[in-house]
Protein backbone atom coordinates (compact mmCIF):
# COMPACT_ATOMS: atom_id res chain seq x y z
CA MET A 1 101.47 107.67 58.83
CA SER A 2 104.46 105.29 59.48
CA LEU A 3 108.17 106.07 59.27
CA THR A 4 110.22 104.95 56.27
CA PRO A 5 113.28 102.72 56.90
CA ARG A 6 115.35 105.81 56.10
CA GLU A 7 113.70 108.03 58.61
CA ARG A 8 114.03 105.35 61.13
CA ASP A 9 117.65 105.16 60.42
CA ALA A 10 118.00 108.89 60.84
CA THR A 11 116.11 109.00 64.16
CA ALA A 12 118.07 106.32 65.77
CA GLU A 13 121.46 107.92 64.69
CA HIS A 14 120.13 111.34 66.03
CA GLY A 15 118.91 109.53 69.15
CA ARG A 16 122.69 108.18 69.71
CA HIS A 17 124.14 111.42 69.15
CA GLY A 18 121.70 114.35 69.40
CA GLY A 19 119.56 113.77 72.46
CA GLY A 20 121.94 113.55 75.43
CA ARG A 21 120.89 112.96 78.89
CA ARG A 22 119.53 115.94 80.90
CA ARG A 23 118.67 114.89 84.09
CA LYS A 24 117.52 115.54 87.80
CA GLY A 25 118.83 118.05 90.04
CA PRO A 26 121.09 117.35 93.13
CA ASP A 27 121.91 113.75 93.96
CA GLY A 28 119.58 113.56 97.07
CA ASP A 29 121.96 114.81 99.96
CA GLY A 30 119.87 117.94 100.74
CA LYS A 31 117.21 118.37 103.04
CA ARG A 32 113.96 116.71 102.39
CA ARG A 33 110.55 117.75 103.67
CA ARG A 34 107.12 116.09 103.27
CA ARG A 35 105.18 118.04 100.58
CA ARG A 36 101.80 118.00 99.06
CA VAL A 37 101.19 115.18 96.62
CA LEU A 38 101.23 116.00 92.81
CA ARG A 39 99.40 113.48 90.50
CA TRP A 40 99.88 113.62 86.83
CA ALA A 41 100.97 110.27 85.51
CA ALA A 42 97.51 110.23 83.83
CA MET A 43 99.03 112.68 81.30
CA ILE A 44 101.72 110.56 80.20
CA LEU A 45 99.51 107.19 79.59
CA ALA A 46 97.08 109.45 77.43
CA VAL A 47 99.82 111.06 75.48
CA VAL A 48 101.09 107.36 74.51
CA ILE A 49 97.63 106.00 74.24
CA LEU A 50 96.88 108.27 71.63
CA GLY A 51 99.99 107.66 69.68
CA THR A 52 101.17 111.63 69.43
CA ALA A 53 104.60 110.37 68.91
CA GLY A 54 103.50 109.57 65.09
CA ALA A 55 103.56 113.09 64.67
CA GLY A 56 107.32 112.79 64.70
CA TYR A 57 106.96 112.34 60.75
CA LEU A 58 106.97 116.03 60.48
CA TYR A 59 110.13 116.81 62.23
CA TYR A 60 111.23 114.03 64.15
CA GLN A 61 114.87 114.86 64.81
CA HIS A 62 113.84 118.05 66.25
CA LEU A 63 111.50 116.02 68.72
CA ASN A 64 114.16 113.37 69.47
CA ALA A 65 116.53 116.19 70.62
CA ASN A 66 113.42 117.38 72.98
CA LEU A 67 113.29 114.08 74.82
CA LYS A 68 115.29 113.44 78.02
CA LYS A 69 116.86 110.12 78.77
CA ASP A 70 117.76 108.16 82.12
CA ALA A 71 118.77 104.43 82.91
CA LEU A 72 115.95 102.21 83.57
CA ASN A 73 116.90 100.08 86.48
CA ILE A 74 119.96 101.06 88.37
CA GLY A 75 119.48 98.33 91.28
CA ASP A 76 121.37 95.33 92.01
CA GLU A 77 120.90 92.34 89.59
CA LYS A 78 119.50 90.30 92.52
CA ASP A 79 116.70 92.52 93.21
CA ARG A 80 115.40 92.35 89.71
CA ALA A 81 112.50 90.53 88.39
CA ALA A 82 112.88 87.91 85.62
CA ARG A 83 111.64 89.14 82.07
CA SER A 84 108.17 88.28 81.22
CA LYS A 85 107.75 85.19 79.17
CA ALA A 86 106.26 84.92 75.76
CA ASN A 87 102.74 83.19 75.56
CA ALA A 88 101.80 80.45 73.31
CA ALA A 89 101.62 82.72 69.98
CA GLY A 90 105.01 84.33 70.97
CA GLN A 91 103.70 87.44 72.42
CA THR A 92 105.10 89.08 75.37
CA PRO A 93 103.19 91.63 77.80
CA LEU A 94 104.54 95.14 78.40
CA ASN A 95 105.16 96.77 81.72
CA ILE A 96 105.73 100.48 81.88
CA LEU A 97 106.25 102.65 85.31
CA LEU A 98 104.66 105.95 84.98
CA ILE A 99 106.37 108.29 87.47
CA GLY A 100 105.05 111.93 88.39
CA SER A 101 108.26 113.77 89.83
CA ASP A 102 107.91 116.81 92.29
CA ALA A 103 111.27 118.18 91.26
CA ARG A 104 112.01 121.96 92.06
CA ASP A 105 114.81 121.87 89.50
CA SER A 106 113.53 125.12 87.91
CA LYS A 107 111.73 128.44 88.81
CA GLU A 108 108.81 127.10 86.58
CA ASN A 109 108.62 123.95 88.86
CA GLN A 110 109.35 125.73 92.10
CA LYS A 111 106.38 128.22 91.32
CA LEU A 112 104.04 125.48 90.28
CA GLY A 113 105.04 123.14 93.43
CA GLY A 114 105.34 125.95 96.05
CA ALA A 115 107.86 125.48 99.12
CA LYS A 116 110.70 127.54 98.33
CA ASP A 117 112.95 125.86 100.99
CA THR A 118 112.71 122.78 98.75
CA PHE A 119 114.09 124.32 95.43
CA ASN A 120 116.63 122.08 94.24
CA THR A 121 116.52 119.32 96.70
CA ALA A 122 116.18 115.59 95.81
CA PRO A 123 112.95 115.01 93.61
CA ARG A 124 110.25 112.41 95.07
CA ALA A 125 108.42 109.93 92.86
CA ASP A 126 104.91 111.33 94.23
CA VAL A 127 103.17 109.70 91.30
CA GLN A 128 103.85 105.89 90.72
CA MET A 129 101.48 103.95 88.37
CA LEU A 130 102.40 100.52 86.65
CA LEU A 131 100.87 100.12 83.22
CA HIS A 132 100.39 96.63 82.00
CA VAL A 133 99.61 95.78 78.49
CA SER A 134 98.58 92.16 77.99
CA ALA A 135 100.57 90.02 75.54
CA ASP A 136 97.82 89.66 73.11
CA ARG A 137 97.15 93.45 73.44
CA THR A 138 93.52 92.82 74.15
CA ASN A 139 93.53 94.52 77.53
CA MET A 140 95.45 97.18 80.02
CA SER A 141 95.73 97.43 83.52
CA VAL A 142 97.27 100.36 85.65
CA VAL A 143 98.03 99.87 89.24
CA SER A 144 98.62 102.99 91.45
CA MET A 145 100.83 102.83 94.63
CA PRO A 146 100.11 105.47 97.37
CA ARG A 147 102.96 107.85 97.61
CA ASP A 148 102.91 107.13 101.38
CA THR A 149 103.46 103.27 101.07
CA LEU A 150 106.24 102.01 103.11
CA VAL A 151 108.54 99.45 101.06
CA ASN A 152 111.98 98.28 101.30
CA ILE A 153 114.10 100.13 98.69
CA PRO A 154 116.92 98.10 97.10
CA LYS A 155 120.70 99.48 96.81
CA CYS A 156 120.98 101.80 93.82
CA THR A 157 123.90 103.26 91.96
CA ASP A 158 123.42 106.82 90.26
CA PRO A 159 124.78 106.26 86.75
CA ASP A 160 126.05 109.74 86.43
CA ASN A 161 128.43 109.79 89.28
CA GLY A 162 128.75 106.22 90.53
CA LYS A 163 127.43 107.20 93.88
CA VAL A 164 126.06 104.19 95.76
CA TYR A 165 122.83 104.41 98.04
CA GLY A 166 122.56 101.70 100.29
CA ALA A 167 119.27 99.69 100.62
CA LEU A 168 116.42 101.02 103.13
CA THR A 169 113.74 98.94 104.84
CA SER A 170 110.28 100.25 105.68
CA THR A 171 110.87 103.68 103.93
CA ILE A 172 108.46 106.00 101.91
CA THR A 173 108.10 104.80 98.42
CA ASN A 174 108.47 108.23 96.68
CA ASP A 175 111.94 108.53 98.45
CA SER A 176 113.19 106.27 95.91
CA LEU A 177 113.32 108.77 92.92
CA GLY A 178 116.24 110.69 94.91
CA ARG A 179 118.36 107.83 95.14
CA GLY A 180 120.02 107.98 91.95
CA GLY A 181 116.94 108.88 89.44
CA PRO A 182 113.99 106.96 88.09
CA GLY A 183 115.95 103.64 87.63
CA CYS A 184 115.81 103.43 91.44
CA THR A 185 111.94 103.63 91.43
CA VAL A 186 111.76 100.98 88.73
CA ALA A 187 114.09 98.75 91.02
CA THR A 188 111.90 99.33 94.00
CA TRP A 189 109.05 98.35 92.14
CA GLU A 190 110.49 94.93 90.56
CA LYS A 191 111.80 94.18 94.30
CA LEU A 192 108.07 94.48 95.82
CA THR A 193 105.97 93.06 93.01
CA ASP A 194 108.46 90.60 91.30
CA ILE A 195 107.08 92.04 88.02
CA HIS A 196 109.74 92.75 85.09
CA ILE A 197 109.34 96.52 84.05
CA ASP A 198 110.14 97.16 80.36
CA HIS A 199 110.13 100.83 80.33
CA PHE A 200 109.43 104.00 82.41
CA MET A 201 108.02 107.54 81.54
CA MET A 202 108.33 110.51 83.93
CA ILE A 203 106.94 114.01 83.88
CA ASP A 204 107.24 117.01 86.45
CA PHE A 205 105.10 119.92 87.48
CA ALA A 206 105.69 122.11 84.25
CA GLY A 207 105.14 119.19 82.17
CA VAL A 208 101.43 118.86 83.51
CA VAL A 209 100.38 122.31 82.72
CA SER A 210 101.99 122.45 79.31
CA MET A 211 100.44 119.21 78.53
CA ALA A 212 96.94 119.93 79.80
CA ASP A 213 96.83 123.40 77.80
CA ALA A 214 98.01 121.27 74.45
CA ILE A 215 95.32 118.75 74.85
CA GLY A 216 92.58 121.52 75.35
CA GLY A 217 91.10 120.36 78.62
CA VAL A 218 89.61 117.17 80.25
CA PRO A 219 86.16 116.58 81.51
CA VAL A 220 85.96 115.91 85.37
CA CYS A 221 83.08 115.81 87.55
CA VAL A 222 82.08 116.69 91.19
CA ASP A 223 79.12 116.16 92.98
CA ALA A 224 78.98 119.58 94.87
CA ASN A 225 80.83 122.89 94.61
CA ILE A 226 84.37 122.24 95.99
CA ARG A 227 87.28 124.63 96.88
CA SER A 228 89.95 122.84 98.08
CA LYS A 229 91.37 125.26 100.69
CA SER A 230 91.14 125.10 104.53
CA SER A 231 91.63 127.91 107.01
CA ASP A 232 95.00 126.53 108.04
CA GLY A 233 96.12 126.43 104.65
CA HIS A 234 95.71 122.77 103.52
CA GLY A 235 94.48 122.27 99.94
CA SER A 236 95.27 122.48 96.33
CA GLY A 237 93.28 125.71 95.59
CA LEU A 238 90.91 123.83 93.14
CA LYS A 239 87.64 125.57 93.00
CA LEU A 240 84.78 124.02 90.70
CA LYS A 241 80.95 124.22 90.41
CA GLU A 242 78.86 121.14 90.85
CA GLY A 243 78.83 118.86 87.69
CA THR A 244 81.38 118.57 84.80
CA THR A 245 83.80 120.94 84.16
CA TYR A 246 86.67 120.66 81.36
CA VAL A 247 89.96 121.50 83.32
CA LYS A 248 93.21 122.46 81.81
CA GLY A 249 96.49 124.18 82.55
CA ILE A 250 96.81 124.93 86.42
CA GLN A 251 93.48 124.13 87.10
CA ALA A 252 94.26 120.36 85.75
CA LEU A 253 97.12 120.45 87.96
CA GLN A 254 95.01 121.41 91.04
CA TRP A 255 92.52 118.39 90.43
CA LEU A 256 95.50 116.03 90.21
CA ARG A 257 96.94 117.28 93.26
CA THR A 258 93.65 117.66 95.37
CA ARG A 259 93.52 115.56 98.74
CA TYR A 260 91.57 117.97 100.89
CA GLY A 261 88.09 118.41 99.52
CA PHE A 262 87.56 114.68 98.09
CA GLU A 263 85.84 112.23 100.07
CA ASP A 264 87.75 111.60 103.27
CA ASN A 265 90.69 113.91 102.48
CA THR A 266 93.19 111.09 102.08
CA ASP A 267 95.83 110.08 99.45
CA ILE A 268 93.60 107.25 98.33
CA ALA A 269 90.45 109.44 97.48
CA ARG A 270 93.24 111.63 95.16
CA ALA A 271 94.26 108.47 93.35
CA LYS A 272 90.56 107.98 92.52
CA ALA A 273 90.17 111.45 91.28
CA GLN A 274 93.35 110.74 89.30
CA HIS A 275 91.89 107.71 87.84
CA GLN A 276 88.70 109.46 86.80
CA TYR A 277 90.83 112.06 84.98
CA MET A 278 93.11 109.53 83.37
CA ASN A 279 89.81 107.67 81.87
CA ALA A 280 88.28 110.88 80.69
CA MET A 281 91.50 111.89 79.08
CA VAL A 282 91.88 108.67 77.14
CA ARG A 283 88.46 108.83 75.96
CA GLN A 284 88.59 112.57 74.96
CA LEU A 285 92.02 111.93 72.86
CA ARG A 286 90.35 108.96 71.09
CA GLU A 287 87.21 110.55 70.30
CA ASN A 288 88.39 113.95 69.59
CA ALA A 289 88.32 114.27 65.80
CA THR A 290 90.21 117.63 65.87
CA LEU A 291 93.31 115.87 67.07
CA GLY A 292 93.58 114.59 63.40
CA ASN A 293 94.75 118.00 62.31
CA PRO A 294 98.41 118.02 61.60
CA ASN A 295 98.90 121.30 63.59
CA GLU A 296 97.24 119.97 66.57
CA LEU A 297 99.28 117.00 66.52
CA ARG A 298 102.48 118.87 65.89
CA LYS A 299 101.61 121.16 69.12
CA LEU A 300 100.79 117.98 71.30
CA ALA A 301 104.06 115.94 70.17
CA GLU A 302 106.30 119.14 70.61
CA THR A 303 104.63 119.63 74.21
CA ALA A 304 105.02 115.93 75.10
CA THR A 305 108.37 115.37 74.10
CA ASN A 306 109.59 118.36 76.15
CA ALA A 307 107.63 117.08 78.96
CA LEU A 308 109.14 113.71 79.21
CA THR A 309 111.95 111.87 80.60
CA VAL A 310 112.20 108.09 79.38
CA ASP A 311 114.59 105.26 79.45
CA ASP A 312 116.95 104.67 76.36
CA GLY A 313 114.53 101.90 75.14
CA LEU A 314 111.97 104.76 74.41
CA GLY A 315 114.56 107.21 73.62
CA THR A 316 113.52 108.39 70.02
CA VAL A 317 110.39 109.21 68.43
CA ALA A 318 110.25 106.10 66.35
CA LYS A 319 110.47 104.10 69.50
CA LEU A 320 107.73 105.87 71.27
CA TYR A 321 105.37 105.62 67.98
CA ASP A 322 106.21 101.94 67.81
CA LEU A 323 104.87 101.73 71.44
CA SER A 324 101.99 104.02 70.83
CA LYS A 325 100.55 101.70 68.03
CA GLU A 326 100.90 98.72 70.40
CA LEU A 327 98.68 100.59 73.06
CA ARG A 328 96.18 101.80 70.63
CA LYS A 329 95.06 98.20 70.10
CA VAL A 330 93.55 98.11 73.38
CA PRO A 331 89.81 99.18 73.30
CA THR A 332 88.96 101.68 76.23
CA LYS A 333 86.41 99.23 77.58
CA ARG A 334 89.50 97.00 78.38
CA ILE A 335 91.28 99.51 80.40
CA THR A 336 91.04 98.77 83.98
CA MET A 337 92.30 101.28 86.85
CA THR A 338 93.27 99.98 90.33
CA THR A 339 94.98 100.95 93.50
CA MET A 340 97.43 98.69 95.10
CA PRO A 341 95.40 97.15 98.06
CA TRP A 342 96.65 98.59 101.40
CA GLN A 343 96.32 99.02 104.92
CA TYR A 344 97.50 101.45 107.59
CA SER A 345 100.98 100.74 109.02
CA THR A 346 101.06 99.42 112.74
CA THR A 347 104.22 101.17 113.62
CA ASN A 348 104.35 104.26 111.40
CA SER A 349 101.30 106.38 111.87
CA GLY A 350 99.96 107.88 108.55
CA ARG A 351 101.98 105.64 106.46
CA VAL A 352 100.34 102.67 104.69
CA VAL A 353 101.72 99.04 103.46
CA PRO A 354 100.63 96.62 100.97
CA LYS A 355 97.72 94.65 102.18
CA PRO A 356 98.77 90.97 103.13
CA GLY A 357 97.17 88.62 100.63
CA ASP A 358 95.30 91.12 98.53
CA ALA A 359 98.36 93.03 97.17
CA ALA A 360 100.28 89.86 96.43
CA GLN A 361 97.13 88.65 94.60
CA LEU A 362 96.85 91.65 92.30
CA PHE A 363 100.78 91.72 91.60
CA ARG A 364 100.54 87.83 90.79
CA LEU A 365 97.59 88.57 88.46
CA VAL A 366 99.75 91.35 86.51
CA ARG A 367 102.81 88.90 86.70
CA GLU A 368 100.89 86.26 85.13
CA ASP A 369 99.12 88.45 82.35
CA ILE A 370 95.73 87.84 83.78
CA ALA A 371 93.07 90.46 82.94
CA LEU A 372 92.06 92.68 85.85
CA ASP A 373 88.30 93.02 84.35
CA GLY A 374 87.85 89.37 84.56
CA LYS A 375 86.94 89.09 80.89
CA ASP A 376 89.99 86.95 79.80
CA LYS A 377 89.31 84.02 77.77
CA LYS A 378 90.53 80.84 79.23
CA LYS A 379 94.08 80.55 78.22
CA SER A 380 97.23 78.27 79.39
CA ALA A 381 99.70 79.88 81.39
CA GLY A 382 101.86 80.39 78.48
CA THR A 383 104.86 78.57 80.12
CA LYS A 384 106.96 76.39 77.87
CA ALA A 385 109.28 73.66 78.66
CA SER A 386 112.82 74.93 78.79
CA SER A 387 114.92 74.41 75.70
CA ASP A 388 117.88 73.71 78.14
CA PRO A 389 118.14 69.91 78.42
CA ALA A 390 117.80 68.49 82.31
CA ALA A 391 120.58 66.30 83.72
CA ALA A 392 119.67 62.91 84.98
CA ASN A 393 117.77 62.58 87.98
CA ASP A 394 120.71 61.59 90.14
CA ARG A 395 122.85 64.46 88.94
CA ILE A 396 120.32 67.27 89.95
CA ALA A 397 121.45 68.77 93.36
CA VAL A 398 117.92 70.02 95.03
CA GLN A 399 117.44 71.74 98.07
CA VAL A 400 114.30 71.53 99.95
CA GLN A 401 112.67 74.05 102.33
CA ASN A 402 109.60 74.42 104.66
CA GLY A 403 107.70 77.17 103.63
CA THR A 404 104.33 75.83 105.23
CA ARG A 405 104.07 78.46 107.77
CA SER A 406 101.25 80.93 107.17
CA GLY A 407 99.43 84.06 108.88
CA THR A 408 97.23 81.47 110.80
CA GLN A 409 99.19 78.33 110.75
CA LEU A 410 102.39 77.30 112.15
CA ALA A 411 105.03 75.52 109.87
CA VAL A 412 104.14 71.61 109.71
CA THR A 413 107.54 69.93 111.29
CA GLY A 414 109.92 68.22 109.47
CA ARG A 415 107.97 68.79 105.91
CA ALA A 416 111.22 69.55 104.19
CA ARG A 417 112.69 66.28 105.26
CA THR A 418 109.82 64.39 104.17
CA ILE A 419 109.62 65.89 100.51
CA ALA A 420 113.46 65.60 100.51
CA GLN A 421 112.84 61.71 100.86
CA LEU A 422 110.08 61.66 98.30
CA LEU A 423 112.50 62.93 95.79
CA VAL A 424 115.30 60.63 96.59
CA GLY A 425 112.64 58.10 96.11
CA LYS A 426 112.30 59.23 92.68
CA GLY A 427 115.83 59.10 91.67
CA PHE A 428 116.78 62.55 92.91
CA THR A 429 119.72 61.14 95.34
CA GLU A 430 121.19 64.56 95.61
CA ALA A 431 118.07 66.34 97.17
CA VAL A 432 118.61 67.32 100.82
CA ALA A 433 116.46 69.24 103.44
CA ASP A 434 117.55 72.60 104.38
CA THR A 435 116.39 72.56 108.28
CA THR A 436 117.83 75.88 108.95
CA THR A 437 115.21 78.09 107.95
CA VAL A 438 111.29 77.94 107.83
CA LEU A 439 109.74 80.15 105.15
CA SER A 440 106.10 81.34 104.74
CA GLU A 441 105.12 80.50 101.02
CA GLU A 442 101.39 80.41 99.90
CA LYS A 443 102.02 78.12 97.01
CA THR A 444 104.49 75.66 96.48
CA VAL A 445 107.53 76.87 94.10
CA ILE A 446 110.62 75.85 92.53
CA ARG A 447 113.27 78.26 92.03
CA TYR A 448 116.54 78.26 89.93
CA PRO A 449 119.25 80.94 89.75
CA SER A 450 120.34 80.80 86.09
CA ALA A 451 119.04 79.51 82.68
CA ASP A 452 121.44 76.45 82.49
CA LEU A 453 119.32 75.09 85.48
CA GLU A 454 115.92 75.47 84.23
CA GLY A 455 115.59 72.33 82.74
CA ASP A 456 116.47 70.58 85.96
CA ALA A 457 113.85 72.61 87.72
CA GLN A 458 111.51 71.60 85.52
CA ARG A 459 112.60 67.99 85.60
CA VAL A 460 111.81 68.26 89.54
CA ALA A 461 108.46 69.85 88.82
CA LYS A 462 107.11 67.36 86.66
CA SER A 463 108.12 64.54 88.68
CA LEU A 464 105.97 65.97 91.60
CA GLY A 465 103.10 66.88 89.44
CA ILE A 466 103.78 70.81 90.08
CA ALA A 467 102.80 72.97 87.21
CA LEU A 468 105.58 74.52 85.12
CA SER A 469 104.17 77.97 85.78
CA SER A 470 105.32 77.56 89.47
CA VAL A 471 109.05 77.44 88.42
CA LYS A 472 110.66 80.41 88.75
CA LYS A 473 114.00 82.08 88.04
CA SER A 474 115.41 83.72 91.02
CA THR A 475 118.86 85.13 92.12
CA GLU A 476 117.97 84.65 95.84
CA VAL A 477 118.77 80.97 95.18
CA SER A 478 122.19 79.40 94.48
CA GLY A 479 120.88 75.89 92.97
CA VAL A 480 117.56 74.41 92.25
CA THR A 481 115.24 75.06 95.47
CA LEU A 482 111.98 73.63 96.32
CA VAL A 483 110.07 75.57 98.77
CA VAL A 484 107.10 73.51 100.00
CA GLY A 485 104.08 75.95 100.44
CA ALA A 486 101.13 76.29 102.64
CA ASP A 487 99.03 74.43 99.93
CA TRP A 488 101.01 71.06 100.56
CA ARG A 489 101.03 70.71 104.24
CA SER A 490 100.48 66.83 104.24
CA GLY A 491 100.83 63.90 102.05
CA THR A 492 103.22 62.79 99.38
CA THR A 493 100.89 63.65 96.27
CA TYR A 494 100.79 67.46 95.44
CA THR A 495 97.45 68.69 94.15
CA ALA A 496 97.74 72.27 92.96
CA PRO A 497 94.95 74.47 94.49
CA ALA A 498 92.51 76.24 91.60
CA ASP A 499 93.91 79.75 91.50
CA ASP A 500 91.70 82.46 92.25
CA ASP A 501 91.89 84.97 89.54
CA THR A 502 89.49 87.50 90.61
CA THR A 503 90.60 91.02 91.32
CA PRO A 504 90.52 91.98 94.78
CA ALA A 505 87.66 94.24 95.91
CA SER A 506 90.28 96.28 98.02
CA ALA A 507 91.86 97.27 94.43
CA GLN A 508 89.16 99.82 93.82
CA VAL A 509 88.48 98.91 90.22
CA ILE A 510 87.35 101.55 87.78
CA ASN A 511 86.66 100.56 84.07
CA GLY A 512 88.25 102.94 81.44
CA SER A 513 85.00 103.30 79.78
CA ASP A 514 82.81 104.45 82.72
CA LYS A 515 81.62 107.98 81.86
CA LYS A 516 79.51 108.29 84.92
CA GLN A 517 82.46 108.86 87.56
CA CYS A 518 82.04 111.62 89.70
CA MET A 519 84.01 112.48 92.72
CA HIS A 520 82.25 112.96 96.15
CA VAL A 521 82.93 116.20 97.65
CA ASN A 522 83.72 116.47 101.54
CA PRO A 523 81.01 118.83 103.05
CA ALA A 524 83.93 120.83 104.74
CA TYR A 525 85.16 121.92 101.57
CA THR A 526 81.80 123.24 100.02
CA TRP A 527 80.90 126.68 98.83
């Protein structure tokens, strides 16, 4: 049932005045410790796909008051990604960051998470999954990032107290949450991927347990008896018999936390188990007719709204319901789960970094709204000509940079000067070569800093035969900037290479409709 206009107005009004921000614990100055991973973002995705927020028609004002809210992005403007552009039909993709917090900010969370000496210390974003819904709502992709990934965390400003956290390099990604809140985790993802994030949803230990109880269990499979507990204390405590078991409550939490006992005892195997859990939960919620019962929906909606922290853009039941309607349009067979391609760091033992080439490829597919299951119909890039009129060629200042260096080849000497001269010959008399820097750019790209220069940038692209999809807004440049990439190392005629739109094998793709998934048990953890 949809909300009436009056109900929507009441919902929005209450969201402004009755659902104030309830936030995280201390600001992050306290002692931090490495802790066991908790994975539960699957719960968030399943709740939204089901559309449980639709139960808000029963008592939407009460549910609004349950929701906790926080700022979406608290990084600097220069580190933010440009908003996703609409396709030819005017539809826009959705990107939602799912965050699992290991906060020990309550006795219940401390009990579930263990480690008494971490009580009330800064929370960590131990689960990070980017949910991408295609513009036409035909497919959905989920990209997990291992919690031990080393990334550059941008400067973030806590919206509550104004505290500024300086930028960090090569820092474990889950530290981002303790630097002002989930808005810093969002800022970190945007800086890394150049993907604009529209919303976030976050849940903690206690929320996982309450959600699993409300749902009534999720079927998971192991290929042998498992007990995740070693003689030196490692493990989640999960104990299951071979085959399929419906897990809920603390047992579901144990499944999502298990590292020791699955495959090679790594964080990557744990992510695979989480994907199995997520897929099974989505199928369960969509197929289980008992959830059509108003009492069941009421219970689930109550639990979900109490468990979630969201950005202001999702801060009412009405907004969550609208989002759920969009997500329910995607068939289960078009949901694709992946893990960010990674490799071990050469400088920090035990940590991982995005795998060169493959990670960038995966992020590009998401950024360009290309389905990760390879089942997209042929479509245009959806990039429209700017409504901003271009200046005359001789009035457009263009800086040309050499980006022909690659991982296997040195930069071509004088390449920026050659292309600058080419532009001058086409009437762009203010084109100049920047010989002070040599970059690594896989594909030739034209960047511009603000909307009033988009038309100028597109004029330059057309004059050189460069696709409009290679014209990008970026706050890292001060004017129209052409970076000659490794795809244009010679000659004065640009020929765009054919895009490889296949998902890298290293992304470990799992399809949402696959019911045969079963985790391999490490022989050292059987009973």
